[in-house]
Amino acid sequence: MKALWWILTLASLCFPAAEGRKPPAFQLELTEITARRIERQILVDGRVRNASGQALESVVLLFDFLSPEARVVTTRKGALEEALLEDGQEAAFHFRMPDAVRAVWFRVRAQARGGREPEVRNAGPFPIE
């Protein structure tokens, strides 16, 4: 019984738990962004830069529209036109979405191929003009 205890103790020291490990952070940076209401729609225009250190494929931006109480009213998404965003590359985006009447702010999240969720720097919240 003591031998089993020693073996398990040594094994736990040699093979640390994987739960403390984090995958590398994939980062996108919003360099410009504006949103305005026109004819019952919200137009969102901006630029995003890949600051992850590696290429990102099939990037989709998620826009959380927030009420004055900072609650999510709705979430809309749109894919970048560029299928592959190389490290350091910038891409412009232009989205037209149905108006979320109670929304006064919005913030941005992202998804990439494989279900990865890159951290978005300067993600908001931003006002809707």
Protein backbone atom coordinates (compact mmCIF):
# COMPACT_ATOMS: atom_id res chain seq x y z
CA MET A 1 0.00 0.00 0.00
CA LYS A 2 2.86 2.37 0.81
CA ALA A 3 4.53 1.49 -2.49
CA LEU A 4 1.38 2.46 -4.40
CA TRP A 5 1.19 5.75 -2.53
CA TRP A 6 4.82 6.56 -3.43
CA ILE A 7 4.29 5.65 -7.07
CA LEU A 8 1.23 7.89 -7.31
CA THR A 9 3.03 10.75 -5.54
CA LEU A 10 6.02 10.55 -7.88
CA ALA A 11 3.76 10.27 -10.92
CA SER A 12 1.85 13.40 -9.90
CA LEU A 13 5.14 15.32 -9.66
CA CYS A 14 6.38 14.08 -13.02
CA PHE A 15 3.12 14.72 -14.88
CA PRO A 16 1.59 18.00 -13.74
CA ALA A 17 -2.12 18.52 -14.31
CA ALA A 18 -3.06 19.99 -17.67
CA GLU A 19 -5.90 22.09 -16.26
CA GLY A 20 -3.59 25.00 -15.44
CA ARG A 21 -2.32 25.22 -19.01
CA LYS A 22 -3.90 27.68 -21.39
CA PRO A 23 -3.74 27.63 -25.15
CA PRO A 24 -2.02 30.66 -26.63
CA ALA A 25 -4.23 33.72 -26.89
CA PHE A 26 -5.23 34.52 -30.45
CA GLN A 27 -5.75 38.24 -30.66
CA LEU A 28 -7.52 40.59 -33.01
CA GLU A 29 -7.29 44.33 -32.57
CA LEU A 30 -10.02 46.75 -33.62
CA THR A 31 -8.18 49.70 -35.14
CA GLU A 32 -11.32 51.59 -36.28
CA ILE A 33 -15.04 51.08 -35.72
CA THR A 34 -18.25 53.07 -36.04
CA ALA A 35 -21.92 52.20 -35.96
CA ARG A 36 -24.81 54.37 -37.08
CA ARG A 37 -28.53 53.99 -37.63
CA ILE A 38 -29.95 54.53 -41.11
CA GLU A 39 -33.45 53.54 -42.23
CA ARG A 40 -34.20 50.89 -39.58
CA GLN A 41 -30.76 49.38 -39.94
CA ILE A 42 -27.46 49.60 -38.13
CA LEU A 43 -24.39 50.05 -40.31
CA VAL A 44 -21.12 48.93 -38.73
CA ASP A 45 -17.85 49.84 -40.43
CA GLY A 46 -14.33 49.30 -39.23
CA ARG A 47 -10.93 47.72 -39.53
CA VAL A 48 -9.46 44.78 -37.65
CA ARG A 49 -5.81 43.72 -37.40
CA ASN A 50 -4.49 40.24 -36.67
CA ALA A 51 -2.09 40.57 -33.72
CA SER A 52 -1.99 36.87 -32.83
CA GLY A 53 1.41 35.91 -34.18
CA GLN A 54 -0.15 33.43 -36.60
CA ALA A 55 -2.66 33.33 -39.45
CA LEU A 56 -6.37 33.12 -38.61
CA GLU A 57 -8.86 31.42 -40.95
CA SER A 58 -12.56 32.10 -41.45
CA VAL A 59 -12.84 34.94 -38.93
CA VAL A 60 -16.41 35.83 -37.91
CA LEU A 61 -17.14 38.98 -35.90
CA LEU A 62 -19.94 38.85 -33.33
CA PHE A 63 -21.63 42.10 -32.34
CA ASP A 64 -23.41 42.18 -28.98
CA PHE A 65 -25.89 45.08 -28.97
CA LEU A 66 -26.47 46.42 -25.46
CA SER A 67 -29.39 48.24 -23.82
CA PRO A 68 -28.89 51.33 -21.63
CA GLU A 69 -28.70 48.89 -18.68
CA ALA A 70 -25.76 47.10 -20.40
CA ARG A 71 -27.82 43.95 -21.08
CA VAL A 72 -27.44 42.15 -24.39
CA VAL A 73 -30.46 42.93 -26.58
CA THR A 74 -29.33 40.86 -29.56
CA THR A 75 -26.20 39.42 -31.13
CA ARG A 76 -25.48 39.60 -34.85
CA LYS A 77 -22.55 38.15 -36.73
CA GLY A 78 -20.73 38.63 -39.99
CA ALA A 79 -17.71 37.02 -41.63
CA LEU A 80 -14.70 38.97 -42.84
CA GLU A 81 -14.33 38.95 -46.62
CA GLU A 82 -10.74 37.69 -46.33
CA ALA A 83 -10.74 33.92 -45.83
CA LEU A 84 -7.23 34.02 -44.35
CA LEU A 85 -5.95 36.86 -42.16
CA GLU A 86 -2.16 36.70 -41.91
CA ASP A 87 -0.29 37.93 -38.82
CA GLY A 88 -0.15 41.74 -38.88
CA GLN A 89 -2.64 41.99 -41.76
CA GLU A 90 -5.55 44.42 -41.53
CA ALA A 91 -8.98 43.90 -43.01
CA ALA A 92 -11.87 46.31 -43.46
CA PHE A 93 -15.44 45.24 -42.75
CA HIS A 94 -18.85 46.70 -43.54
CA PHE A 95 -21.98 45.12 -42.10
CA ARG A 96 -25.64 46.09 -42.43
CA MET A 97 -27.90 44.64 -39.74
CA PRO A 98 -31.54 45.02 -38.67
CA ASP A 99 -31.97 47.74 -36.07
CA ALA A 100 -32.08 46.65 -32.44
CA VAL A 101 -34.33 49.42 -31.15
CA ARG A 102 -33.29 49.38 -27.48
CA ALA A 103 -29.59 49.09 -28.28
CA VAL A 104 -27.44 52.13 -27.51
CA TRP A 105 -24.03 50.43 -27.24
CA PHE A 106 -22.27 47.46 -28.84
CA ARG A 107 -19.20 45.34 -28.20
CA VAL A 108 -17.30 42.96 -30.46
CA ARG A 109 -16.24 39.34 -30.09
CA ALA A 110 -14.74 36.97 -32.67
CA GLN A 111 -14.60 33.34 -33.75
CA ALA A 112 -12.13 31.64 -36.07
CA ARG A 113 -11.98 28.26 -37.77
CA GLY A 114 -11.94 25.35 -35.34
CA GLY A 115 -14.15 27.09 -32.80
CA ARG A 116 -11.31 29.25 -31.51
CA GLU A 117 -12.37 32.53 -29.96
CA PRO A 118 -9.62 35.11 -30.45
CA GLU A 119 -9.40 37.74 -27.77
CA VAL A 120 -10.46 41.08 -29.25
CA ARG A 121 -8.48 44.09 -28.06
CA ASN A 122 -10.40 47.36 -27.88
CA ALA A 123 -13.70 45.43 -28.04
CA GLY A 124 -15.91 48.17 -26.65
CA PRO A 125 -18.55 48.96 -25.66
CA PHE A 126 -18.94 51.63 -28.34
CA PRO A 127 -21.91 54.00 -28.83
CA ILE A 128 -24.30 53.63 -31.74
CA GLU A 129 -24.57 57.02 -33.42
